[in-house]
Amino acid sequence: PYVLGTGLILYFLSKEIYVVTPETISAVSTIGLLV
């Protein structure tokens, strides 16, 4: 599961399917705060 999750994240980032933006940092911070 960890390898699958990491691979999917790297795949989305390398293919620029998901582009890291300031909203990404805000989303990660918000999710971390919620957790």
PDB file of all heavy atoms in Angstrom:
ATOM      1  N   PRO A   1       0.808  -1.219   0.000  1.00  0.00           N
ATOM      2  CA  PRO A   1       0.000   0.000   0.000  1.00  0.00           C
ATOM      3  C   PRO A   1       0.844   1.275   0.000  1.00  0.00           C
ATOM      4  O   PRO A   1       0.511   2.240  -0.692  1.00  0.00           O
ATOM      5  CB  PRO A   1      -0.820  -0.125   1.286  1.00  0.00           C
ATOM      6  CG  PRO A   1      -0.887  -1.582   1.567  1.00  0.00           C
ATOM      7  CD  PRO A   1       0.417  -2.137   1.100  1.00  0.00           C
ATOM      8  N   TYR A   2       1.952   1.237   0.774  1.00  0.00           N
ATOM      9  CA  TYR A   2       2.796   2.434   0.810  1.00  0.00           C
ATOM     10  C   TYR A   2       3.485   2.659  -0.533  1.00  0.00           C
ATOM     11  O   TYR A   2       3.578   3.793  -1.030  1.00  0.00           O
ATOM     12  CB  TYR A   2       3.829   2.312   1.930  1.00  0.00           C
ATOM     13  CG  TYR A   2       3.207   2.125   3.296  1.00  0.00           C
ATOM     14  CD1 TYR A   2       3.099   0.862   3.874  1.00  0.00           C
ATOM     15  CD2 TYR A   2       2.706   3.213   3.987  1.00  0.00           C
ATOM     16  CE1 TYR A   2       2.511   0.698   5.120  1.00  0.00           C
ATOM     17  CE2 TYR A   2       2.127   3.056   5.247  1.00  0.00           C
ATOM     18  CZ  TYR A   2       2.027   1.786   5.794  1.00  0.00           C
ATOM     19  OH  TYR A   2       1.450   1.636   7.024  1.00  0.00           O
ATOM     20  N   VAL A   3       3.989   1.567  -1.147  1.00  0.00           N
ATOM     21  CA  VAL A   3       4.640   1.696  -2.458  1.00  0.00           C
ATOM     22  C   VAL A   3       3.636   2.158  -3.504  1.00  0.00           C
ATOM     23  O   VAL A   3       3.939   3.009  -4.360  1.00  0.00           O
ATOM     24  CB  VAL A   3       5.273   0.349  -2.861  1.00  0.00           C
ATOM     25  CG1 VAL A   3       5.798   0.403  -4.295  1.00  0.00           C
ATOM     26  CG2 VAL A   3       6.398  -0.018  -1.909  1.00  0.00           C
ATOM     27  N   LEU A   4       2.382   1.634  -3.423  1.00  0.00           N
ATOM     28  CA  LEU A   4       1.363   2.043  -4.385  1.00  0.00           C
ATOM     29  C   LEU A   4       1.027   3.525  -4.224  1.00  0.00           C
ATOM     30  O   LEU A   4       0.931   4.263  -5.216  1.00  0.00           O
ATOM     31  CB  LEU A   4       0.100   1.193  -4.181  1.00  0.00           C
ATOM     32  CG  LEU A   4      -1.097   1.545  -5.084  1.00  0.00           C
ATOM     33  CD1 LEU A   4      -0.720   1.377  -6.562  1.00  0.00           C
ATOM     34  CD2 LEU A   4      -2.306   0.693  -4.731  1.00  0.00           C
ATOM     35  N   GLY A   5       0.870   3.935  -2.995  1.00  0.00           N
ATOM     36  CA  GLY A   5       0.553   5.343  -2.774  1.00  0.00           C
ATOM     37  C   GLY A   5       1.681   6.262  -3.204  1.00  0.00           C
ATOM     38  O   GLY A   5       1.457   7.283  -3.872  1.00  0.00           O
ATOM     39  N   THR A   6       2.898   5.893  -2.852  1.00  0.00           N
ATOM     40  CA  THR A   6       4.044   6.726  -3.239  1.00  0.00           C
ATOM     41  C   THR A   6       4.200   6.749  -4.752  1.00  0.00           C
ATOM     42  O   THR A   6       4.466   7.803  -5.360  1.00  0.00           O
ATOM     43  CB  THR A   6       5.320   6.203  -2.581  1.00  0.00           C
ATOM     44  OG1 THR A   6       5.111   6.128  -1.156  1.00  0.00           O
ATOM     45  CG2 THR A   6       6.496   7.111  -2.879  1.00  0.00           C
ATOM     46  N   GLY A   7       4.032   5.609  -5.397  1.00  0.00           N
ATOM     47  CA  GLY A   7       4.161   5.556  -6.853  1.00  0.00           C
ATOM     48  C   GLY A   7       3.113   6.403  -7.556  1.00  0.00           C
ATOM     49  O   GLY A   7       3.401   7.094  -8.543  1.00  0.00           O
ATOM     50  N   LEU A   8       1.864   6.349  -7.036  1.00  0.00           N
ATOM     51  CA  LEU A   8       0.824   7.161  -7.651  1.00  0.00           C
ATOM     52  C   LEU A   8       1.118   8.654  -7.498  1.00  0.00           C
ATOM     53  O   LEU A   8       0.935   9.434  -8.447  1.00  0.00           O
ATOM     54  CB  LEU A   8      -0.536   6.841  -7.008  1.00  0.00           C
ATOM     55  CG  LEU A   8      -1.147   5.468  -7.370  1.00  0.00           C
ATOM     56  CD1 LEU A   8      -2.415   5.218  -6.575  1.00  0.00           C
ATOM     57  CD2 LEU A   8      -1.434   5.392  -8.871  1.00  0.00           C
ATOM     58  N   ILE A   9       1.600   9.034  -6.315  1.00  0.00           N
ATOM     59  CA  ILE A   9       1.912  10.452  -6.109  1.00  0.00           C
ATOM     60  C   ILE A   9       3.037  10.897  -7.050  1.00  0.00           C
ATOM     61  O   ILE A   9       2.950  11.958  -7.698  1.00  0.00           O
ATOM     62  CB  ILE A   9       2.294  10.693  -4.635  1.00  0.00           C
ATOM     63  CG1 ILE A   9       1.047  10.491  -3.739  1.00  0.00           C
ATOM     64  CG2 ILE A   9       2.837  12.108  -4.445  1.00  0.00           C
ATOM     65  CD1 ILE A   9       1.360  10.535  -2.261  1.00  0.00           C
ATOM     66  N   LEU A  10       4.087  10.077  -7.135  1.00  0.00           N
ATOM     67  CA  LEU A  10       5.191  10.433  -8.034  1.00  0.00           C
ATOM     68  C   LEU A  10       4.760  10.434  -9.489  1.00  0.00           C
ATOM     69  O   LEU A  10       5.208  11.266 -10.288  1.00  0.00           O
ATOM     70  CB  LEU A  10       6.354   9.452  -7.828  1.00  0.00           C
ATOM     71  CG  LEU A  10       7.036   9.513  -6.446  1.00  0.00           C
ATOM     72  CD1 LEU A  10       8.098   8.426  -6.324  1.00  0.00           C
ATOM     73  CD2 LEU A  10       7.644  10.893  -6.220  1.00  0.00           C
ATOM     74  N   TYR A  11       3.851   9.513  -9.843  1.00  0.00           N
ATOM     75  CA  TYR A  11       3.369   9.457 -11.230  1.00  0.00           C
ATOM     76  C   TYR A  11       2.589  10.728 -11.564  1.00  0.00           C
ATOM     77  O   TYR A  11       2.781  11.338 -12.621  1.00  0.00           O
ATOM     78  CB  TYR A  11       2.503   8.224 -11.408  1.00  0.00           C
ATOM     79  CG  TYR A  11       1.856   8.142 -12.774  1.00  0.00           C
ATOM     80  CD1 TYR A  11       2.596   7.791 -13.905  1.00  0.00           C
ATOM     81  CD2 TYR A  11       0.496   8.425 -12.929  1.00  0.00           C
ATOM     82  CE1 TYR A  11       1.994   7.733 -15.157  1.00  0.00           C
ATOM     83  CE2 TYR A  11      -0.100   8.368 -14.171  1.00  0.00           C
ATOM     84  CZ  TYR A  11       0.652   8.019 -15.275  1.00  0.00           C
ATOM     85  OH  TYR A  11       0.056   7.972 -16.505  1.00  0.00           O
ATOM     86  N   PHE A  12       1.681  11.129 -10.650  1.00  0.00           N
ATOM     87  CA  PHE A  12       0.906  12.347 -10.913  1.00  0.00           C
ATOM     88  C   PHE A  12       1.789  13.580 -10.984  1.00  0.00           C
ATOM     89  O   PHE A  12       1.552  14.483 -11.795  1.00  0.00           O
ATOM     90  CB  PHE A  12      -0.153  12.539  -9.811  1.00  0.00           C
ATOM     91  CG  PHE A  12      -1.296  11.559  -9.923  1.00  0.00           C
ATOM     92  CD1 PHE A  12      -1.932  11.061  -8.779  1.00  0.00           C
ATOM     93  CD2 PHE A  12      -1.750  11.119 -11.157  1.00  0.00           C
ATOM     94  CE1 PHE A  12      -2.972  10.172  -8.890  1.00  0.00           C
ATOM     95  CE2 PHE A  12      -2.799  10.230 -11.261  1.00  0.00           C
ATOM     96  CZ  PHE A  12      -3.406   9.746 -10.129  1.00  0.00           C
ATOM     97  N   LEU A  13       2.840  13.607 -10.136  1.00  0.00           N
ATOM     98  CA  LEU A  13       3.718  14.773 -10.146  1.00  0.00           C
ATOM     99  C   LEU A  13       4.636  14.781 -11.365  1.00  0.00           C
ATOM    100  O   LEU A  13       4.864  15.840 -11.975  1.00  0.00           O
ATOM    101  CB  LEU A  13       4.541  14.808  -8.860  1.00  0.00           C
ATOM    102  CG  LEU A  13       3.761  15.066  -7.559  1.00  0.00           C
ATOM    103  CD1 LEU A  13       4.689  14.971  -6.355  1.00  0.00           C
ATOM    104  CD2 LEU A  13       3.085  16.426  -7.601  1.00  0.00           C
ATOM    105  N   SER A  14       5.176  13.598 -11.756  1.00  0.00           N
ATOM    106  CA  SER A  14       6.109  13.554 -12.890  1.00  0.00           C
ATOM    107  C   SER A  14       5.406  13.825 -14.211  1.00  0.00           C
ATOM    108  O   SER A  14       5.966  14.492 -15.101  1.00  0.00           O
ATOM    109  CB  SER A  14       6.815  12.194 -12.925  1.00  0.00           C
ATOM    110  OG  SER A  14       5.872  11.160 -13.174  1.00  0.00           O
ATOM    111  N   LYS A  15       4.192  13.336 -14.335  1.00  0.00           N
ATOM    112  CA  LYS A  15       3.429  13.562 -15.571  1.00  0.00           C
ATOM    113  C   LYS A  15       2.678  14.885 -15.540  1.00  0.00           C
ATOM    114  O   LYS A  15       1.947  15.193 -16.485  1.00  0.00           O
ATOM    115  CB  LYS A  15       2.441  12.418 -15.793  1.00  0.00           C
ATOM    116  CG  LYS A  15       3.106  11.065 -16.017  1.00  0.00           C
ATOM    117  CD  LYS A  15       3.978  11.071 -17.264  1.00  0.00           C
ATOM    118  CE  LYS A  15       4.591   9.698 -17.525  1.00  0.00           C
ATOM    119  NZ  LYS A  15       5.415   9.686 -18.748  1.00  0.00           N
ATOM    120  N   GLU A  16       2.847  15.613 -14.463  1.00  0.00           N
ATOM    121  CA  GLU A  16       2.174  16.890 -14.288  1.00  0.00           C
ATOM    122  C   GLU A  16       0.653  16.773 -14.405  1.00  0.00           C
ATOM    123  O   GLU A  16      -0.043  17.671 -14.857  1.00  0.00           O
ATOM    124  CB  GLU A  16       2.685  17.929 -15.287  1.00  0.00           C
ATOM    125  CG  GLU A  16       4.127  18.308 -15.069  1.00  0.00           C
ATOM    126  CD  GLU A  16       4.598  19.405 -15.997  1.00  0.00           C
ATOM    127  OE1 GLU A  16       3.779  19.803 -16.859  1.00  0.00           O
ATOM    128  OE2 GLU A  16       5.741  19.853 -15.849  1.00  0.00           O
ATOM    129  N   ILE A  17       0.204  15.594 -13.999  1.00  0.00           N
ATOM    130  CA  ILE A  17      -1.248  15.451 -13.887  1.00  0.00           C
ATOM    131  C   ILE A  17      -1.747  16.323 -12.752  1.00  0.00           C
ATOM    132  O   ILE A  17      -2.818  16.935 -12.823  1.00  0.00           O
ATOM    133  CB  ILE A  17      -1.624  13.978 -13.678  1.00  0.00           C
ATOM    134  CG1 ILE A  17      -1.191  13.154 -14.906  1.00  0.00           C
ATOM    135  CG2 ILE A  17      -3.117  13.806 -13.415  1.00  0.00           C
ATOM    136  CD1 ILE A  17      -1.385  11.675 -14.746  1.00  0.00           C
ATOM    137  N   TYR A  18      -0.975  16.353 -11.680  1.00  0.00           N
ATOM    138  CA  TYR A  18      -1.281  17.254 -10.563  1.00  0.00           C
ATOM    139  C   TYR A  18      -0.094  18.203 -10.447  1.00  0.00           C
ATOM    140  O   TYR A  18       1.045  17.766 -10.255  1.00  0.00           O
ATOM    141  CB  TYR A  18      -1.485  16.483  -9.262  1.00  0.00           C
ATOM    142  CG  TYR A  18      -1.838  17.390  -8.105  1.00  0.00           C
ATOM    143  CD1 TYR A  18      -3.129  17.843  -7.926  1.00  0.00           C
ATOM    144  CD2 TYR A  18      -0.849  17.813  -7.212  1.00  0.00           C
ATOM    145  CE1 TYR A  18      -3.444  18.689  -6.885  1.00  0.00           C
ATOM    146  CE2 TYR A  18      -1.154  18.660  -6.174  1.00  0.00           C
ATOM    147  CZ  TYR A  18      -2.460  19.099  -6.002  1.00  0.00           C
ATOM    148  OH  TYR A  18      -2.769  19.945  -4.977  1.00  0.00           O
ATOM    149  N   VAL A  19      -0.347  19.475 -10.564  1.00  0.00           N
ATOM    150  CA  VAL A  19       0.694  20.492 -10.502  1.00  0.00           C
ATOM    151  C   VAL A  19       0.678  21.088  -9.090  1.00  0.00           C
ATOM    152  O   VAL A  19      -0.377  21.464  -8.573  1.00  0.00           O
ATOM    153  CB  VAL A  19       0.465  21.594 -11.555  1.00  0.00           C
ATOM    154  CG1 VAL A  19       1.562  22.649 -11.460  1.00  0.00           C
ATOM    155  CG2 VAL A  19       0.431  20.981 -12.948  1.00  0.00           C
ATOM    156  N   VAL A  20       1.897  21.141  -8.494  1.00  0.00           N
ATOM    157  CA  VAL A  20       2.004  21.699  -7.153  1.00  0.00           C
ATOM    158  C   VAL A  20       1.860  23.210  -7.234  1.00  0.00           C
ATOM    159  O   VAL A  20       2.599  23.882  -7.965  1.00  0.00           O
ATOM    160  CB  VAL A  20       3.350  21.321  -6.508  1.00  0.00           C
ATOM    161  CG1 VAL A  20       3.467  21.953  -5.113  1.00  0.00           C
ATOM    162  CG2 VAL A  20       3.468  19.809  -6.415  1.00  0.00           C
ATOM    163  N   THR A  21       0.898  23.734  -6.480  1.00  0.00           N
ATOM    164  CA  THR A  21       0.610  25.167  -6.445  1.00  0.00           C
ATOM    165  C   THR A  21       0.543  25.624  -4.990  1.00  0.00           C
ATOM    166  O   THR A  21       0.598  24.786  -4.067  1.00  0.00           O
ATOM    167  CB  THR A  21      -0.724  25.472  -7.146  1.00  0.00           C
ATOM    168  OG1 THR A  21      -1.758  24.745  -6.481  1.00  0.00           O
ATOM    169  CG2 THR A  21      -0.679  25.044  -8.616  1.00  0.00           C
ATOM    170  N   PRO A  22       0.442  26.918  -4.756  1.00  0.00           N
ATOM    171  CA  PRO A  22       0.266  27.362  -3.358  1.00  0.00           C
ATOM    172  C   PRO A  22      -0.947  26.762  -2.681  1.00  0.00           C
ATOM    173  O   PRO A  22      -0.975  26.567  -1.457  1.00  0.00           O
ATOM    174  CB  PRO A  22       0.135  28.880  -3.505  1.00  0.00           C
ATOM    175  CG  PRO A  22       0.900  29.206  -4.748  1.00  0.00           C
ATOM    176  CD  PRO A  22       0.678  28.059  -5.678  1.00  0.00           C
ATOM    177  N   GLU A  23      -1.979  26.443  -3.462  1.00  0.00           N
ATOM    178  CA  GLU A  23      -3.157  25.802  -2.863  1.00  0.00           C
ATOM    179  C   GLU A  23      -2.814  24.422  -2.314  1.00  0.00           C
ATOM    180  O   GLU A  23      -3.423  23.940  -1.347  1.00  0.00           O
ATOM    181  CB  GLU A  23      -4.282  25.686  -3.889  1.00  0.00           C
ATOM    182  CG  GLU A  23      -4.986  26.990  -4.202  1.00  0.00           C
ATOM    183  CD  GLU A  23      -4.174  27.877  -5.153  1.00  0.00           C
ATOM    184  OE1 GLU A  23      -3.119  27.405  -5.625  1.00  0.00           O
ATOM    185  OE2 GLU A  23      -4.585  29.014  -5.406  1.00  0.00           O
ATOM    186  N   THR A  24      -1.820  23.757  -2.947  1.00  0.00           N
ATOM    187  CA  THR A  24      -1.414  22.446  -2.457  1.00  0.00           C
ATOM    188  C   THR A  24      -0.832  22.555  -1.055  1.00  0.00           C
ATOM    189  O   THR A  24      -1.140  21.747  -0.161  1.00  0.00           O
ATOM    190  CB  THR A  24      -0.380  21.842  -3.412  1.00  0.00           C
ATOM    191  OG1 THR A  24      -0.929  21.766  -4.728  1.00  0.00           O
ATOM    192  CG2 THR A  24      -0.013  20.438  -2.957  1.00  0.00           C
ATOM    193  N   ILE A  25       0.064  23.576  -0.867  1.00  0.00           N
ATOM    194  CA  ILE A  25       0.639  23.788   0.459  1.00  0.00           C
ATOM    195  C   ILE A  25      -0.468  24.095   1.473  1.00  0.00           C
ATOM    196  O   ILE A  25      -0.472  23.584   2.601  1.00  0.00           O
ATOM    197  CB  ILE A  25       1.667  24.925   0.418  1.00  0.00           C
ATOM    198  CG1 ILE A  25       2.724  24.657  -0.665  1.00  0.00           C
ATOM    199  CG2 ILE A  25       2.324  25.092   1.780  1.00  0.00           C
ATOM    200  CD1 ILE A  25       3.489  23.372  -0.483  1.00  0.00           C
ATOM    201  N   SER A  26      -1.434  24.911   1.063  1.00  0.00           N
ATOM    202  CA  SER A  26      -2.547  25.234   1.968  1.00  0.00           C
ATOM    203  C   SER A  26      -3.379  23.999   2.299  1.00  0.00           C
ATOM    204  O   SER A  26      -3.780  23.788   3.461  1.00  0.00           O
ATOM    205  CB  SER A  26      -3.442  26.302   1.329  1.00  0.00           C
ATOM    206  OG  SER A  26      -2.700  27.481   1.065  1.00  0.00           O
ATOM    207  N   ALA A  27      -3.593  23.152   1.275  1.00  0.00           N
ATOM    208  CA  ALA A  27      -4.376  21.931   1.512  1.00  0.00           C
ATOM    209  C   ALA A  27      -3.645  20.992   2.453  1.00  0.00           C
ATOM    210  O   ALA A  27      -4.246  20.413   3.369  1.00  0.00           O
ATOM    211  CB  ALA A  27      -4.667  21.246   0.180  1.00  0.00           C
ATOM    212  N   VAL A  28      -2.307  20.816   2.242  1.00  0.00           N
ATOM    213  CA  VAL A  28      -1.539  19.931   3.116  1.00  0.00           C
ATOM    214  C   VAL A  28      -1.543  20.471   4.545  1.00  0.00           C
ATOM    215  O   VAL A  28      -1.693  19.724   5.518  1.00  0.00           O
ATOM    216  CB  VAL A  28      -0.099  19.779   2.577  1.00  0.00           C
ATOM    217  CG1 VAL A  28       0.765  19.023   3.581  1.00  0.00           C
ATOM    218  CG2 VAL A  28      -0.106  19.047   1.240  1.00  0.00           C
ATOM    219  N   SER A  29      -1.374  21.800   4.672  1.00  0.00           N
ATOM    220  CA  SER A  29      -1.388  22.393   6.019  1.00  0.00           C
ATOM    221  C   SER A  29      -2.753  22.221   6.683  1.00  0.00           C
ATOM    222  O   SER A  29      -2.847  21.898   7.877  1.00  0.00           O
ATOM    223  CB  SER A  29      -1.034  23.879   5.919  1.00  0.00           C
ATOM    224  OG  SER A  29       0.232  24.050   5.322  1.00  0.00           O
ATOM    225  N   THR A  30      -3.799  22.428   5.903  1.00  0.00           N
ATOM    226  CA  THR A  30      -5.152  22.290   6.472  1.00  0.00           C
ATOM    227  C   THR A  30      -5.416  20.856   6.887  1.00  0.00           C
ATOM    228  O   THR A  30      -5.962  20.600   7.975  1.00  0.00           O
ATOM    229  CB  THR A  30      -6.201  22.740   5.442  1.00  0.00           C
ATOM    230  OG1 THR A  30      -5.923  24.094   5.046  1.00  0.00           O
ATOM    231  CG2 THR A  30      -7.600  22.655   6.023  1.00  0.00           C
ATOM    232  N   ILE A  31      -5.049  19.902   6.032  1.00  0.00           N
ATOM    233  CA  ILE A  31      -5.262  18.494   6.371  1.00  0.00           C
ATOM    234  C   ILE A  31      -4.462  18.116   7.605  1.00  0.00           C
ATOM    235  O   ILE A  31      -4.931  17.413   8.502  1.00  0.00           O
ATOM    236  CB  ILE A  31      -4.907  17.609   5.170  1.00  0.00           C
ATOM    237  CG1 ILE A  31      -5.896  17.841   4.024  1.00  0.00           C
ATOM    238  CG2 ILE A  31      -4.908  16.142   5.566  1.00  0.00           C
ATOM    239  CD1 ILE A  31      -5.526  17.143   2.732  1.00  0.00           C
ATOM    240  N   GLY A  32      -3.196  18.588   7.675  1.00  0.00           N
ATOM    241  CA  GLY A  32      -2.381  18.300   8.850  1.00  0.00           C
ATOM    242  C   GLY A  32      -2.970  18.895  10.115  1.00  0.00           C
ATOM    243  O   GLY A  32      -2.983  18.261  11.179  1.00  0.00           O
ATOM    244  N   LEU A  33      -3.497  20.114   9.995  1.00  0.00           N
ATOM    245  CA  LEU A  33      -4.125  20.736  11.147  1.00  0.00           C
ATOM    246  C   LEU A  33      -5.375  19.976  11.582  1.00  0.00           C
ATOM    247  O   LEU A  33      -5.616  19.779  12.781  1.00  0.00           O
ATOM    248  CB  LEU A  33      -4.478  22.188  10.815  1.00  0.00           C
ATOM    249  CG  LEU A  33      -5.152  23.000  11.934  1.00  0.00           C
ATOM    250  CD1 LEU A  33      -4.230  23.100  13.142  1.00  0.00           C
ATOM    251  CD2 LEU A  33      -5.530  24.389  11.430  1.00  0.00           C
ATOM    252  N   LEU A  34      -6.155  19.535  10.602  1.00  0.00           N
ATOM    253  CA  LEU A  34      -7.353  18.757  10.939  1.00  0.00           C
ATOM    254  C   LEU A  34      -6.998  17.448  11.622  1.00  0.00           C
ATOM    255  O   LEU A  34      -7.625  17.046  12.608  1.00  0.00           O
ATOM    256  CB  LEU A  34      -8.181  18.488   9.673  1.00  0.00           C
ATOM    257  CG  LEU A  34      -8.886  19.691   9.037  1.00  0.00           C
ATOM    258  CD1 LEU A  34      -9.579  19.283   7.743  1.00  0.00           C
ATOM    259  CD2 LEU A  34      -9.908  20.285  10.002  1.00  0.00           C
ATOM    260  N   VAL A  35      -5.956  16.784  11.108  1.00  0.00           N
ATOM    261  CA  VAL A  35      -5.524  15.530  11.721  1.00  0.00           C
ATOM    262  C   VAL A  35      -5.051  15.769  13.145  1.00  0.00           C
ATOM    263  O   VAL A  35      -5.357  15.009  14.081  1.00  0.00           O
ATOM    264  CB  VAL A  35      -4.423  14.874  10.868  1.00  0.00           C
ATOM    265  CG1 VAL A  35      -3.806  13.682  11.604  1.00  0.00           C
ATOM    266  CG2 VAL A  35      -4.981  14.427   9.530  1.00  0.00           C
TER     267      VAL A  35
END
